[in-house]
Amino acid sequence: MRTTIISLMIFSAIIFILSPASSSFAQQDDEARARAKEILRHVDDMWRGSSSHTILTMQVKTAHYTRNIKLEGWSKGKEKTLVRILSPLKEKGTATLKSGNSIYSYLPRTDRTIRLTSGMMMGSWMGSHFTNDDLVKESRMEEDYDPAVTFEGKRDSRDIIDFTLIPKPDAAVVWGKVVLTVLAEGFLPVIEYYYDEDMNITRTITFSKIEQLADRPRPTVMRVVPADKPDEYTELIYEKLELDIKLNDAFFSLAHLKRK
């Protein structure tokens, strides 16, 4: 979400040196990249800020069951996240912690703490269609992908911007490509399409029901639908969001992970 791209850029730069307008073209290209990164940073931080506290409901619908889970979550920067289940009762207290490069899951019924490996990050979280990586937001579009604006204009009576995101060679992501649509005003996300390494679409995430959340308009409903099971979905419904709150590093510790 290049060696050829880098080579083309170097070759183009040499040609541009011979042209009086070369610095203008290069500046426009730099400005376009900077703008794309700024928009992606805005989307990455839509529900996080420098720190955050949120309460939300997760609704899961599969061919075999439908369930609701109420969650409470906290984050600080890009490296610290704690998510705890509030209900149902039998799963209350189950928690996931990310601190630095380490990710842990706490199971209160057995009083066990499990360290998640990198291979477990794409596994389902609590039987939902979200992955462990989705939950702790280990990857960031701004840092892990090379973006290109593939459309900018009006569609369905809305001004939108489409991005195609190709993962950088050293990025720790499993997707072959991500296509993201945002509103031109406010850069609110509308829809994301995720593709595997064979460029087959694997899931779609839609964002809807824009309301005032943490003193500004934000989508309050996020729904993920797997491509191979279009009748199933998992929906996150944000009920409360606080940003840029005071949280110390000790809050994101193994001791606090087990707190009832």
Protein backbone atom coordinates (compact mmCIF):
# COMPACT_ATOMS: atom_id res chain seq x y z
CA MET A 1 0.00 0.00 0.00
CA ARG A 2 9.00 0.59 -6.89
CA THR A 3 12.30 0.15 -7.94
CA THR A 4 10.86 0.87 -11.42
CA ILE A 5 9.02 3.93 -10.10
CA ILE A 6 12.17 5.25 -8.40
CA SER A 7 14.18 4.71 -11.58
CA LEU A 8 11.61 6.60 -13.62
CA MET A 9 11.65 9.45 -11.11
CA ILE A 10 15.46 9.72 -11.30
CA PHE A 11 15.40 9.62 -15.09
CA SER A 12 12.68 12.26 -15.20
CA ALA A 13 14.63 14.48 -12.84
CA ILE A 14 17.63 14.42 -15.18
CA ILE A 15 15.44 15.41 -18.14
CA PHE A 16 13.77 18.15 -16.13
CA ILE A 17 17.13 19.74 -15.30
CA LEU A 18 17.47 20.55 -18.99
CA SER A 19 14.11 22.35 -18.99
CA PRO A 20 13.48 25.88 -17.62
CA ALA A 21 10.20 24.64 -16.12
CA SER A 22 11.77 21.65 -14.38
CA SER A 23 11.68 23.10 -10.85
CA SER A 24 8.01 24.02 -11.26
CA PHE A 25 7.06 20.46 -12.31
CA ALA A 26 9.10 18.92 -9.48
CA GLN A 27 7.49 21.27 -6.98
CA GLN A 28 4.01 20.31 -8.18
CA ASP A 29 4.90 16.62 -7.83
CA ASP A 30 6.22 17.16 -4.30
CA GLU A 31 3.15 19.16 -3.39
CA ALA A 32 0.84 16.39 -4.68
CA ARG A 33 2.65 13.77 -2.59
CA ALA A 34 2.62 15.99 0.48
CA ARG A 35 -1.11 16.64 0.04
CA ALA A 36 -1.86 12.91 -0.34
CA LYS A 37 0.11 12.09 2.81
CA GLU A 38 -1.65 14.84 4.74
CA ILE A 39 -5.07 13.47 3.77
CA LEU A 40 -4.07 9.90 4.67
CA ARG A 41 -2.72 11.12 8.02
CA HIS A 42 -6.06 12.79 8.62
CA VAL A 43 -7.92 9.52 7.92
CA ASP A 44 -5.49 7.47 10.03
CA ASP A 45 -6.09 9.78 12.99
CA MET A 46 -9.85 10.16 12.48
CA TRP A 47 -10.64 8.23 15.66
CA ARG A 48 -7.31 8.51 17.49
CA GLY A 49 -5.70 11.95 17.74
CA SER A 50 -2.59 12.10 19.96
CA SER A 51 -4.60 10.01 22.45
CA SER A 52 -8.19 8.77 22.63
CA HIS A 53 -10.93 7.16 24.68
CA THR A 54 -13.93 5.57 23.00
CA ILE A 55 -16.99 3.47 23.74
CA LEU A 56 -18.58 1.56 20.89
CA THR A 57 -20.77 -1.40 20.02
CA MET A 58 -19.68 -4.13 17.64
CA GLN A 59 -22.45 -5.98 15.80
CA VAL A 60 -21.47 -9.24 14.10
CA LYS A 61 -23.68 -11.08 11.61
CA THR A 62 -22.59 -14.39 10.11
CA ALA A 63 -24.40 -17.36 8.58
CA HIS A 64 -24.40 -19.03 12.01
CA TYR A 65 -24.95 -16.28 14.58
CA THR A 66 -25.62 -12.63 15.32
CA ARG A 67 -24.07 -10.98 18.36
CA ASN A 68 -23.44 -7.58 19.95
CA ILE A 69 -20.32 -6.71 21.92
CA LYS A 70 -19.81 -3.44 23.79
CA LEU A 71 -16.21 -2.21 23.89
CA GLU A 72 -14.14 0.46 25.57
CA GLY A 73 -10.83 1.52 24.07
CA TRP A 74 -7.91 3.84 24.71
CA SER A 75 -4.93 4.84 22.57
CA LYS A 76 -1.82 6.99 22.89
CA GLY A 77 0.19 7.87 19.84
CA LYS A 78 0.74 5.12 17.29
CA GLU A 79 2.27 2.55 19.61
CA LYS A 80 -0.14 2.14 22.50
CA THR A 81 -3.70 0.74 22.37
CA LEU A 82 -5.92 -0.99 24.91
CA VAL A 83 -9.35 -2.41 24.09
CA ARG A 84 -11.56 -4.07 26.73
CA ILE A 85 -14.93 -5.85 26.39
CA LEU A 86 -17.70 -4.45 28.62
CA SER A 87 -20.46 -6.91 27.62
CA PRO A 88 -21.77 -9.61 27.23
CA LEU A 89 -21.06 -10.82 30.75
CA LYS A 90 -19.32 -14.07 29.76
CA GLU A 91 -16.67 -12.11 27.83
CA LYS A 92 -16.49 -9.06 30.08
CA GLY A 93 -12.89 -8.13 30.86
CA THR A 94 -11.37 -9.78 27.79
CA ALA A 95 -8.81 -7.28 26.58
CA THR A 96 -6.20 -6.64 23.89
CA LEU A 97 -3.12 -4.50 24.48
CA LYS A 98 -0.58 -3.10 22.04
CA SER A 99 2.52 -1.51 23.55
CA GLY A 100 5.36 -0.84 21.16
CA ASN A 101 5.88 -3.92 19.01
CA SER A 102 4.24 -6.28 21.51
CA ILE A 103 0.55 -7.25 21.39
CA TYR A 104 -1.21 -9.21 24.13
CA SER A 105 -4.65 -10.67 24.70
CA TYR A 106 -6.00 -11.26 28.21
CA LEU A 107 -8.64 -13.95 28.87
CA PRO A 108 -10.23 -13.36 32.31
CA ARG A 109 -12.07 -16.70 32.47
CA THR A 110 -8.76 -18.54 32.56
CA ASP A 111 -6.69 -15.61 33.86
CA ARG A 112 -4.29 -16.08 30.96
CA THR A 113 -2.31 -13.51 28.99
CA ILE A 114 -1.28 -14.50 25.47
CA ARG A 115 1.28 -12.67 23.38
CA LEU A 116 0.14 -12.42 19.77
CA THR A 117 2.63 -13.24 17.04
CA SER A 118 2.83 -11.34 13.74
CA GLY A 119 1.16 -14.32 12.06
CA MET A 120 -1.89 -13.89 14.30
CA MET A 121 -2.49 -10.24 13.38
CA MET A 122 -4.73 -11.07 10.42
CA GLY A 123 -6.82 -13.50 12.48
CA SER A 124 -10.42 -12.70 13.39
CA TRP A 125 -10.98 -10.71 16.59
CA MET A 126 -13.78 -12.14 18.78
CA GLY A 127 -15.39 -13.93 15.84
CA SER A 128 -15.86 -10.71 13.88
CA HIS A 129 -14.80 -9.76 10.37
CA PHE A 130 -12.22 -7.37 11.80
CA THR A 131 -8.67 -8.58 12.34
CA ASN A 132 -6.40 -8.12 15.33
CA ASP A 133 -4.50 -5.60 13.20
CA ASP A 134 -7.70 -3.61 12.58
CA LEU A 135 -8.32 -3.49 16.30
CA VAL A 136 -4.97 -2.06 17.29
CA LYS A 137 -4.28 -0.19 14.04
CA GLU A 138 -0.75 -1.51 13.72
CA SER A 139 -0.46 -0.30 10.11
CA ARG A 140 -0.91 3.29 8.92
CA MET A 141 -1.75 4.29 5.37
CA GLU A 142 0.41 7.40 5.53
CA GLU A 143 3.54 5.42 6.43
CA ASP A 144 3.02 1.99 4.84
CA TYR A 145 1.67 2.86 1.39
CA ASP A 146 2.63 4.87 -1.67
CA PRO A 147 -0.52 6.83 -2.59
CA ALA A 148 -1.75 7.97 -5.98
CA VAL A 149 -4.84 10.11 -6.60
CA THR A 150 -6.77 8.20 -9.27
CA PHE A 151 -9.91 10.37 -9.36
CA GLU A 152 -10.92 13.76 -8.02
CA GLY A 153 -14.28 15.28 -8.83
CA LYS A 154 -18.01 14.78 -8.46
CA ARG A 155 -19.58 11.35 -8.12
CA ASP A 156 -23.13 10.63 -6.98
CA SER A 157 -23.60 14.36 -6.32
CA ARG A 158 -20.62 14.43 -3.94
CA ASP A 159 -17.13 15.86 -4.40
CA ILE A 160 -14.74 13.01 -3.66
CA ILE A 161 -11.12 11.93 -3.99
CA ASP A 162 -10.06 8.37 -4.85
CA PHE A 163 -6.67 7.04 -3.72
CA THR A 164 -4.97 3.87 -4.87
CA LEU A 165 -2.50 2.75 -2.20
CA ILE A 166 0.33 0.35 -3.03
CA PRO A 167 2.26 -1.07 -0.04
CA LYS A 168 5.90 -0.09 0.30
CA PRO A 169 8.31 -3.05 -0.09
CA ASP A 170 9.31 -2.97 3.58
CA ALA A 171 5.80 -2.38 4.97
CA ALA A 172 4.41 -4.98 7.37
CA VAL A 173 1.05 -5.30 5.59
CA VAL A 174 -0.58 -8.23 3.79
CA TRP A 175 -2.67 -6.30 1.26
CA GLY A 176 -1.68 -6.05 -2.37
CA LYS A 177 -3.58 -2.81 -2.80
CA VAL A 178 -6.09 -0.57 -1.03
CA VAL A 179 -8.49 1.78 -2.80
CA LEU A 180 -9.84 4.56 -0.59
CA THR A 181 -12.51 7.18 -1.29
CA VAL A 182 -12.80 10.30 0.88
CA LEU A 183 -15.01 13.36 0.74
CA ALA A 184 -13.18 16.36 -0.69
CA GLU A 185 -14.56 18.50 2.12
CA GLY A 186 -13.24 17.43 5.50
CA PHE A 187 -11.54 14.32 4.04
CA LEU A 188 -14.04 12.01 5.72
CA PRO A 189 -13.64 8.39 4.56
CA VAL A 190 -16.48 6.95 2.49
CA ILE A 191 -15.38 3.48 1.41
CA GLU A 192 -12.28 1.28 1.29
CA TYR A 193 -11.60 -1.74 -0.91
CA TYR A 194 -8.90 -4.19 0.18
CA TYR A 195 -7.14 -6.46 -2.33
CA ASP A 196 -4.92 -9.48 -1.73
CA GLU A 197 -1.51 -10.00 -3.34
CA ASP A 198 -3.20 -11.47 -6.44
CA MET A 199 -5.24 -8.24 -6.71
CA ASN A 200 -8.52 -9.95 -5.85
CA ILE A 201 -10.81 -7.88 -3.67
CA THR A 202 -11.11 -9.45 -0.21
CA ARG A 203 -13.26 -7.01 1.76
CA THR A 204 -15.04 -3.66 1.67
CA ILE A 205 -15.30 -1.17 4.54
CA THR A 206 -17.94 1.54 4.37
CA PHE A 207 -18.24 4.59 6.62
CA SER A 208 -21.61 6.20 7.26
CA LYS A 209 -23.90 8.16 9.58
CA ILE A 210 -21.84 11.32 9.95
CA GLU A 211 -22.50 12.98 13.30
CA GLN A 212 -20.76 15.32 15.73
CA LEU A 213 -18.23 13.20 17.57
CA ALA A 214 -15.41 14.74 19.61
CA ASP A 215 -16.51 18.23 18.53
CA ARG A 216 -16.44 17.63 14.78
CA PRO A 217 -18.29 15.67 12.08
CA ARG A 218 -17.12 12.08 11.76
CA PRO A 219 -18.58 8.80 10.46
CA THR A 220 -20.02 6.97 13.47
CA VAL A 221 -20.69 3.64 11.73
CA MET A 222 -18.00 1.47 10.13
CA ARG A 223 -19.09 -1.74 8.36
CA VAL A 224 -16.80 -4.41 6.95
CA VAL A 225 -18.14 -6.96 4.45
CA PRO A 226 -15.98 -9.90 3.29
CA ALA A 227 -15.97 -10.38 -0.48
CA ASP A 228 -16.48 -14.14 -0.22
CA LYS A 229 -19.43 -13.75 2.21
CA PRO A 230 -21.40 -10.72 1.01
CA ASP A 231 -24.36 -11.50 3.30
CA GLU A 232 -22.17 -11.25 6.42
CA TYR A 233 -20.80 -8.15 8.09
CA THR A 234 -19.32 -6.62 11.21
CA GLU A 235 -20.33 -3.11 12.18
CA LEU A 236 -18.66 -0.74 14.65
CA ILE A 237 -20.98 1.92 16.06
CA TYR A 238 -19.26 4.74 17.91
CA GLU A 239 -21.16 6.01 20.94
CA LYS A 240 -18.52 8.18 22.58
CA LEU A 241 -15.14 9.58 21.53
CA GLU A 242 -12.70 11.76 23.42
CA LEU A 243 -9.45 12.88 21.82
CA ASP A 244 -6.17 14.30 23.12
CA ILE A 245 -6.80 13.24 26.70
CA LYS A 246 -4.16 12.71 29.41
CA LEU A 247 -2.95 9.10 29.59
CA ASN A 248 0.33 7.97 31.12
CA ASP A 249 2.39 5.13 29.70
CA ALA A 250 1.69 2.93 32.75
CA PHE A 251 -1.93 2.76 31.64
CA PHE A 252 -0.79 0.56 28.73
CA SER A 253 0.87 -2.12 30.85
CA LEU A 254 0.33 -5.83 31.42
CA ALA A 255 -0.81 -5.07 34.96
CA HIS A 256 -3.50 -2.72 33.69
CA LEU A 257 -4.46 -5.20 30.96
CA LYS A 258 -5.68 -7.59 33.68
CA ARG A 259 -7.57 -4.95 35.59
CA LYS A 260 -11.17 -6.00 36.19
